Structure formats: structure tokens, C-alpha cells
Amino acid sequence: MLSALEAFDMDQALSHFSMEACKKAELYPDIWDYDDEKDEIIEEIADYFESMKDFYREVLAAKGSVMVTIC
């Protein structure tokens, strides 16, 4: 999992980020009408992605496991 996250080019992905596409996809949370906050939202997404990579690094270092459930 970590290798896939490390290989993912988040900057490239975010260069194509569309608030309208997120709205059409009805992604949670419903913040996609706040066009004036687009830069802040992109920054948050990038920060969360880095935090997720840090989390998986810690799990790997601890020789742990992660279980994900989707309801």
C-alpha cells in the first residue's frame, strides 16, 4: 500500500482538480460550491494525503496491519 501511495503523483492529480466534478459526483462533504476556497481545499487534500502516507509508514515500521471497512 505504501509503495502505491509513494508512487502516486498528488501534485499532478491536483493540477486537474475540479470542484465541479466533485460536486457532480456528490462527494462528501458538500463543500464544492465554495469556489473562493478552492486553493484551501486543495491544500487540505494534499496535507491529508501526506498524513495518510505518514500513517502507513508508522504502521510499516511497527510491522502492523490496517483493516479498512466501507459501509
PDB file of N, CA and C in Angstrom:
ATOM      1  N   MET A   1       0.816  -1.196   0.000  1.00  0.00           N
ATOM      2  CA  MET A   1       0.000   0.000   0.000  1.00  0.00           C
ATOM      3  C   MET A   1       0.860   1.260   0.000  1.00  0.00           C
ATOM      4  N   LEU A   2       1.865   1.291   0.856  1.00  0.00           N
ATOM      5  CA  LEU A   2       2.704   2.479   0.942  1.00  0.00           C
ATOM      6  C   LEU A   2       3.425   2.744  -0.373  1.00  0.00           C
ATOM      7  N   SER A   3       3.886   1.701  -1.020  1.00  0.00           N
ATOM      8  CA  SER A   3       4.603   1.916  -2.291  1.00  0.00           C
ATOM      9  C   SER A   3       3.680   2.551  -3.335  1.00  0.00           C
ATOM     10  N   ALA A   4       2.422   2.162  -3.341  1.00  0.00           N
ATOM     11  CA  ALA A   4       1.470   2.768  -4.277  1.00  0.00           C
ATOM     12  C   ALA A   4       1.233   4.236  -3.927  1.00  0.00           C
ATOM     13  N   LEU A   5       1.131   4.538  -2.646  1.00  0.00           N
ATOM     14  CA  LEU A   5       0.940   5.928  -2.225  1.00  0.00           C
ATOM     15  C   LEU A   5       2.162   6.770  -2.561  1.00  0.00           C
ATOM     16  N   GLU A   6       3.336   6.203  -2.326  1.00  0.00           N
ATOM     17  CA  GLU A   6       4.585   6.924  -2.618  1.00  0.00           C
ATOM     18  C   GLU A   6       4.725   7.192  -4.114  1.00  0.00           C
ATOM     19  N   ALA A   7       4.251   6.281  -4.944  1.00  0.00           N
ATOM     20  CA  ALA A   7       4.378   6.421  -6.396  1.00  0.00           C
ATOM     21  C   ALA A   7       3.337   7.370  -6.994  1.00  0.00           C
ATOM     22  N   PHE A   8       2.269   7.619  -6.244  1.00  0.00           N
ATOM     23  CA  PHE A   8       1.196   8.462  -6.757  1.00  0.00           C
ATOM     24  C   PHE A   8       1.637   9.913  -6.807  1.00  0.00           C
ATOM     25  N   ASP A   9       1.447  10.561  -7.932  1.00  0.00           N
ATOM     26  CA  ASP A   9       1.830  11.965  -8.113  1.00  0.00           C
ATOM     27  C   ASP A   9       0.646  12.860  -7.734  1.00  0.00           C
ATOM     28  N   MET A  10       0.578  13.223  -6.474  1.00  0.00           N
ATOM     29  CA  MET A  10      -0.534  14.034  -5.986  1.00  0.00           C
ATOM     30  C   MET A  10      -0.531  15.420  -6.616  1.00  0.00           C
ATOM     31  N   ASP A  11       0.638  16.000  -6.828  1.00  0.00           N
ATOM     32  CA  ASP A  11       0.690  17.318  -7.453  1.00  0.00           C
ATOM     33  C   ASP A  11       0.086  17.279  -8.852  1.00  0.00           C
ATOM     34  N   GLN A  12       0.393  16.241  -9.602  1.00  0.00           N
ATOM     35  CA  GLN A  12      -0.173  16.082 -10.942  1.00  0.00           C
ATOM     36  C   GLN A  12      -1.692  15.908 -10.851  1.00  0.00           C
ATOM     37  N   ALA A  13      -2.130  15.064  -9.931  1.00  0.00           N
ATOM     38  CA  ALA A  13      -3.568  14.831  -9.774  1.00  0.00           C
ATOM     39  C   ALA A  13      -4.288  16.122  -9.396  1.00  0.00           C
ATOM     40  N   LEU A  14      -3.716  16.871  -8.485  1.00  0.00           N
ATOM     41  CA  LEU A  14      -4.364  18.105  -8.041  1.00  0.00           C
ATOM     42  C   LEU A  14      -4.331  19.193  -9.106  1.00  0.00           C
ATOM     43  N   SER A  15      -3.423  19.085 -10.059  1.00  0.00           N
ATOM     44  CA  SER A  15      -3.392  20.077 -11.133  1.00  0.00           C
ATOM     45  C   SER A  15      -4.633  19.959 -12.019  1.00  0.00           C
ATOM     46  N   HIS A  16      -5.323  18.829 -11.933  1.00  0.00           N
ATOM     47  CA  HIS A  16      -6.549  18.608 -12.698  1.00  0.00           C
ATOM     48  C   HIS A  16      -7.795  18.638 -11.804  1.00  0.00           C
ATOM     49  N   PHE A  17      -7.628  19.091 -10.566  1.00  0.00           N
ATOM     50  CA  PHE A  17      -8.720  19.102  -9.594  1.00  0.00           C
ATOM     51  C   PHE A  17      -9.857  19.994 -10.064  1.00  0.00           C
ATOM     52  N   SER A  18     -11.081  19.491  -9.916  1.00  0.00           N
ATOM     53  CA  SER A  18     -12.261  20.241 -10.330  1.00  0.00           C
ATOM     54  C   SER A  18     -13.309  20.206  -9.224  1.00  0.00           C
ATOM     55  N   MET A  19     -13.637  21.385  -8.728  1.00  0.00           N
ATOM     56  CA  MET A  19     -14.700  21.488  -7.731  1.00  0.00           C
ATOM     57  C   MET A  19     -16.016  21.014  -8.347  1.00  0.00           C
ATOM     58  N   GLU A  20     -16.245  21.354  -9.607  1.00  0.00           N
ATOM     59  CA  GLU A  20     -17.481  20.970 -10.293  1.00  0.00           C
ATOM     60  C   GLU A  20     -17.593  19.447 -10.419  1.00  0.00           C
ATOM     61  N   ALA A  21     -16.491  18.777 -10.734  1.00  0.00           N
ATOM     62  CA  ALA A  21     -16.517  17.316 -10.841  1.00  0.00           C
ATOM     63  C   ALA A  21     -16.830  16.680  -9.494  1.00  0.00           C
ATOM     64  N   CYS A  22     -16.294  17.237  -8.422  1.00  0.00           N
ATOM     65  CA  CYS A  22     -16.585  16.719  -7.077  1.00  0.00           C
ATOM     66  C   CYS A  22     -18.057  16.923  -6.739  1.00  0.00           C
ATOM     67  N   LYS A  23     -18.577  18.072  -7.128  1.00  0.00           N
ATOM     68  CA  LYS A  23     -19.998  18.352  -6.879  1.00  0.00           C
ATOM     69  C   LYS A  23     -20.882  17.379  -7.652  1.00  0.00           C
ATOM     70  N   LYS A  24     -20.578  17.170  -8.936  1.00  0.00           N
ATOM     71  CA  LYS A  24     -21.367  16.251  -9.758  1.00  0.00           C
ATOM     72  C   LYS A  24     -21.311  14.827  -9.225  1.00  0.00           C
ATOM     73  N   ALA A  25     -20.174  14.455  -8.646  1.00  0.00           N
ATOM     74  CA  ALA A  25     -20.018  13.108  -8.087  1.00  0.00           C
ATOM     75  C   ALA A  25     -20.652  12.998  -6.702  1.00  0.00           C
ATOM     76  N   GLU A  26     -21.147  14.119  -6.176  1.00  0.00           N
ATOM     77  CA  GLU A  26     -21.765  14.175  -4.853  1.00  0.00           C
ATOM     78  C   GLU A  26     -20.825  13.654  -3.762  1.00  0.00           C
ATOM     79  N   LEU A  27     -19.564  14.074  -3.871  1.00  0.00           N
ATOM     80  CA  LEU A  27     -18.580  13.651  -2.868  1.00  0.00           C
ATOM     81  C   LEU A  27     -18.853  14.329  -1.532  1.00  0.00           C
ATOM     82  N   TYR A  28     -18.624  13.580  -0.481  1.00  0.00           N
ATOM     83  CA  TYR A  28     -18.738  14.098   0.882  1.00  0.00           C
ATOM     84  C   TYR A  28     -17.411  14.739   1.256  1.00  0.00           C
ATOM     85  N   PRO A  29     -17.399  15.852   1.939  1.00  0.00           N
ATOM     86  CA  PRO A  29     -18.517  16.680   2.376  1.00  0.00           C
ATOM     87  C   PRO A  29     -18.969  17.607   1.256  1.00  0.00           C
ATOM     88  N   ASP A  30     -20.137  18.154   1.411  1.00  0.00           N
ATOM     89  CA  ASP A  30     -20.724  19.010   0.388  1.00  0.00           C
ATOM     90  C   ASP A  30     -20.150  20.424   0.501  1.00  0.00           C
ATOM     91  N   ILE A  31     -18.921  20.590   0.014  1.00  0.00           N
ATOM     92  CA  ILE A  31     -18.221  21.880   0.097  1.00  0.00           C
ATOM     93  C   ILE A  31     -17.875  22.426  -1.280  1.00  0.00           C
ATOM     94  N   TRP A  32     -18.398  21.821  -2.318  1.00  0.00           N
ATOM     95  CA  TRP A  32     -17.920  22.091  -3.669  1.00  0.00           C
ATOM     96  C   TRP A  32     -18.476  23.360  -4.293  1.00  0.00           C
ATOM     97  N   ASP A  33     -19.374  24.044  -3.596  1.00  0.00           N
ATOM     98  CA  ASP A  33     -19.877  25.326  -4.089  1.00  0.00           C
ATOM     99  C   ASP A  33     -19.015  26.501  -3.628  1.00  0.00           C
ATOM    100  N   TYR A  34     -18.044  26.243  -2.797  1.00  0.00           N
ATOM    101  CA  TYR A  34     -17.203  27.312  -2.234  1.00  0.00           C
ATOM    102  C   TYR A  34     -15.985  27.539  -3.125  1.00  0.00           C
ATOM    103  N   ASP A  35     -16.221  28.008  -4.341  1.00  0.00           N
ATOM    104  CA  ASP A  35     -15.136  28.212  -5.308  1.00  0.00           C
ATOM    105  C   ASP A  35     -14.042  29.130  -4.775  1.00  0.00           C
ATOM    106  N   ASP A  36     -14.414  30.080  -3.929  1.00  0.00           N
ATOM    107  CA  ASP A  36     -13.427  31.001  -3.381  1.00  0.00           C
ATOM    108  C   ASP A  36     -12.477  30.312  -2.401  1.00  0.00           C
ATOM    109  N   GLU A  37     -12.792  29.084  -1.998  1.00  0.00           N
ATOM    110  CA  GLU A  37     -11.939  28.325  -1.073  1.00  0.00           C
ATOM    111  C   GLU A  37     -11.200  27.184  -1.772  1.00  0.00           C
ATOM    112  N   LYS A  38     -11.202  27.188  -3.099  1.00  0.00           N
ATOM    113  CA  LYS A  38     -10.591  26.089  -3.851  1.00  0.00           C
ATOM    114  C   LYS A  38      -9.128  25.857  -3.459  1.00  0.00           C
ATOM    115  N   ASP A  39      -8.345  26.918  -3.354  1.00  0.00           N
ATOM    116  CA  ASP A  39      -6.931  26.763  -3.004  1.00  0.00           C
ATOM    117  C   ASP A  39      -6.759  26.131  -1.629  1.00  0.00           C
ATOM    118  N   GLU A  40      -7.588  26.542  -0.667  1.00  0.00           N
ATOM    119  CA  GLU A  40      -7.505  25.986   0.673  1.00  0.00           C
ATOM    120  C   GLU A  40      -7.918  24.510   0.676  1.00  0.00           C
ATOM    121  N   ILE A  41      -8.935  24.178  -0.113  1.00  0.00           N
ATOM    122  CA  ILE A  41      -9.386  22.787  -0.188  1.00  0.00           C
ATOM    123  C   ILE A  41      -8.310  21.914  -0.814  1.00  0.00           C
ATOM    124  N   ILE A  42      -7.672  22.395  -1.868  1.00  0.00           N
ATOM    125  CA  ILE A  42      -6.579  21.643  -2.497  1.00  0.00           C
ATOM    126  C   ILE A  42      -5.443  21.435  -1.504  1.00  0.00           C
ATOM    127  N   GLU A  43      -5.114  22.461  -0.748  1.00  0.00           N
ATOM    128  CA  GLU A  43      -4.049  22.349   0.256  1.00  0.00           C
ATOM    129  C   GLU A  43      -4.407  21.316   1.324  1.00  0.00           C
ATOM    130  N   GLU A  44      -5.656  21.316   1.758  1.00  0.00           N
ATOM    131  CA  GLU A  44      -6.091  20.328   2.748  1.00  0.00           C
ATOM    132  C   GLU A  44      -5.997  18.912   2.196  1.00  0.00           C
ATOM    133  N   ILE A  45      -6.413  18.719   0.953  1.00  0.00           N
ATOM    134  CA  ILE A  45      -6.332  17.397   0.339  1.00  0.00           C
ATOM    135  C   ILE A  45      -4.879  16.931   0.298  1.00  0.00           C
ATOM    136  N   ALA A  46      -3.979  17.806  -0.107  1.00  0.00           N
ATOM    137  CA  ALA A  46      -2.556  17.461  -0.160  1.00  0.00           C
ATOM    138  C   ALA A  46      -2.021  17.130   1.234  1.00  0.00           C
ATOM    139  N   ASP A  47      -2.413  17.911   2.230  1.00  0.00           N
ATOM    140  CA  ASP A  47      -1.974  17.662   3.608  1.00  0.00           C
ATOM    141  C   ASP A  47      -2.493  16.317   4.125  1.00  0.00           C
ATOM    142  N   TYR A  48      -3.759  16.030   3.858  1.00  0.00           N
ATOM    143  CA  TYR A  48      -4.334  14.749   4.295  1.00  0.00           C
ATOM    144  C   TYR A  48      -3.647  13.573   3.615  1.00  0.00           C
ATOM    145  N   PHE A  49      -3.295  13.747   2.356  1.00  0.00           N
ATOM    146  CA  PHE A  49      -2.594  12.688   1.638  1.00  0.00           C
ATOM    147  C   PHE A  49      -1.234  12.418   2.291  1.00  0.00           C
ATOM    148  N   GLU A  50      -0.504  13.481   2.630  1.00  0.00           N
ATOM    149  CA  GLU A  50       0.788  13.315   3.299  1.00  0.00           C
ATOM    150  C   GLU A  50       0.610  12.652   4.665  1.00  0.00           C
ATOM    151  N   SER A  51      -0.425  13.042   5.395  1.00  0.00           N
ATOM    152  CA  SER A  51      -0.708  12.431   6.698  1.00  0.00           C
ATOM    153  C   SER A  51      -1.020  10.945   6.556  1.00  0.00           C
ATOM    154  N   MET A  52      -1.737  10.596   5.500  1.00  0.00           N
ATOM    155  CA  MET A  52      -2.048   9.184   5.276  1.00  0.00           C
ATOM    156  C   MET A  52      -0.777   8.396   4.980  1.00  0.00           C
ATOM    157  N   LYS A  53       0.126   8.965   4.198  1.00  0.00           N
ATOM    158  CA  LYS A  53       1.398   8.288   3.927  1.00  0.00           C
ATOM    159  C   LYS A  53       2.199   8.131   5.223  1.00  0.00           C
ATOM    160  N   ASP A  54       2.212   9.162   6.061  1.00  0.00           N
ATOM    161  CA  ASP A  54       2.907   9.071   7.355  1.00  0.00           C
ATOM    162  C   ASP A  54       2.320   7.954   8.205  1.00  0.00           C
ATOM    163  N   PHE A  55       0.991   7.858   8.215  1.00  0.00           N
ATOM    164  CA  PHE A  55       0.322   6.804   8.973  1.00  0.00           C
ATOM    165  C   PHE A  55       0.773   5.426   8.503  1.00  0.00           C
ATOM    166  N   TYR A  56       0.779   5.212   7.197  1.00  0.00           N
ATOM    167  CA  TYR A  56       1.189   3.908   6.675  1.00  0.00           C
ATOM    168  C   TYR A  56       2.674   3.640   6.908  1.00  0.00           C
ATOM    169  N   ARG A  57       3.504   4.669   6.918  1.00  0.00           N
ATOM    170  CA  ARG A  57       4.917   4.487   7.268  1.00  0.00           C
ATOM    171  C   ARG A  57       5.050   3.994   8.709  1.00  0.00           C
ATOM    172  N   GLU A  58       4.279   4.589   9.610  1.00  0.00           N
ATOM    173  CA  GLU A  58       4.305   4.184  11.015  1.00  0.00           C
ATOM    174  C   GLU A  58       3.828   2.742  11.177  1.00  0.00           C
ATOM    175  N   VAL A  59       2.781   2.380  10.465  1.00  0.00           N
ATOM    176  CA  VAL A  59       2.267   1.007  10.520  1.00  0.00           C
ATOM    177  C   VAL A  59       3.324   0.040  10.013  1.00  0.00           C
ATOM    178  N   LEU A  60       3.969   0.385   8.907  1.00  0.00           N
ATOM    179  CA  LEU A  60       5.018  -0.469   8.348  1.00  0.00           C
ATOM    180  C   LEU A  60       6.179  -0.617   9.322  1.00  0.00           C
ATOM    181  N   ALA A  61       6.591   0.478   9.941  1.00  0.00           N
ATOM    182  CA  ALA A  61       7.703   0.430  10.897  1.00  0.00           C
ATOM    183  C   ALA A  61       7.371  -0.443  12.105  1.00  0.00           C
ATOM    184  N   ALA A  62       6.104  -0.452  12.478  1.00  0.00           N
ATOM    185  CA  ALA A  62       5.668  -1.255  13.623  1.00  0.00           C
ATOM    186  C   ALA A  62       5.320  -2.688  13.217  1.00  0.00           C
ATOM    187  N   LYS A  63       5.497  -2.983  11.924  1.00  0.00           N
ATOM    188  CA  LYS A  63       5.111  -4.309  11.378  1.00  0.00           C
ATOM    189  C   LYS A  63       3.656  -4.625  11.688  1.00  0.00           C
ATOM    190  N   GLY A  64       2.849  -3.582  11.565  1.00  0.00           N
ATOM    191  CA  GLY A  64       1.415  -3.719  11.871  1.00  0.00           C
ATOM    192  C   GLY A  64       0.591  -3.967  10.625  1.00  0.00           C
ATOM    193  N   SER A  65      -0.687  -3.907  10.807  1.00  0.00           N
ATOM    194  CA  SER A  65      -1.661  -4.115   9.732  1.00  0.00           C
ATOM    195  C   SER A  65      -2.732  -3.035   9.829  1.00  0.00           C
ATOM    196  N   VAL A  66      -3.395  -2.829   8.718  1.00  0.00           N
ATOM    197  CA  VAL A  66      -4.504  -1.887   8.651  1.00  0.00           C
ATOM    198  C   VAL A  66      -5.695  -2.621   8.062  1.00  0.00           C
ATOM    199  N   MET A  67      -6.830  -2.491   8.736  1.00  0.00           N
ATOM    200  CA  MET A  67      -8.050  -3.059   8.207  1.00  0.00           C
ATOM    201  C   MET A  67      -8.987  -1.909   7.851  1.00  0.00           C
ATOM    202  N   VAL A  68      -9.488  -1.938   6.633  1.00  0.00           N
ATOM    203  CA  VAL A  68     -10.383  -0.897   6.144  1.00  0.00           C
ATOM    204  C   VAL A  68     -11.744  -1.522   5.892  1.00  0.00           C
ATOM    205  N   THR A  69     -12.777  -0.878   6.402  1.00  0.00           N
ATOM    206  CA  THR A  69     -14.136  -1.315   6.116  1.00  0.00           C
ATOM    207  C   THR A  69     -14.873  -0.168   5.465  1.00  0.00           C
ATOM    208  N   ILE A  70     -15.722  -0.494   4.527  1.00  0.00           N
ATOM    209  CA  ILE A  70     -16.530   0.508   3.842  1.00  0.00           C
ATOM    210  C   ILE A  70     -17.986   0.113   4.043  1.00  0.00           C
ATOM    211  N   CYS A  71     -18.732   1.013   4.637  1.00  0.00           N
ATOM    212  CA  CYS A  71     -20.151   0.724   4.923  1.00  0.00           C
ATOM    213  C   CYS A  71     -21.050   1.409   3.943  1.00  0.00           C
TER     214      CYS A  71
END
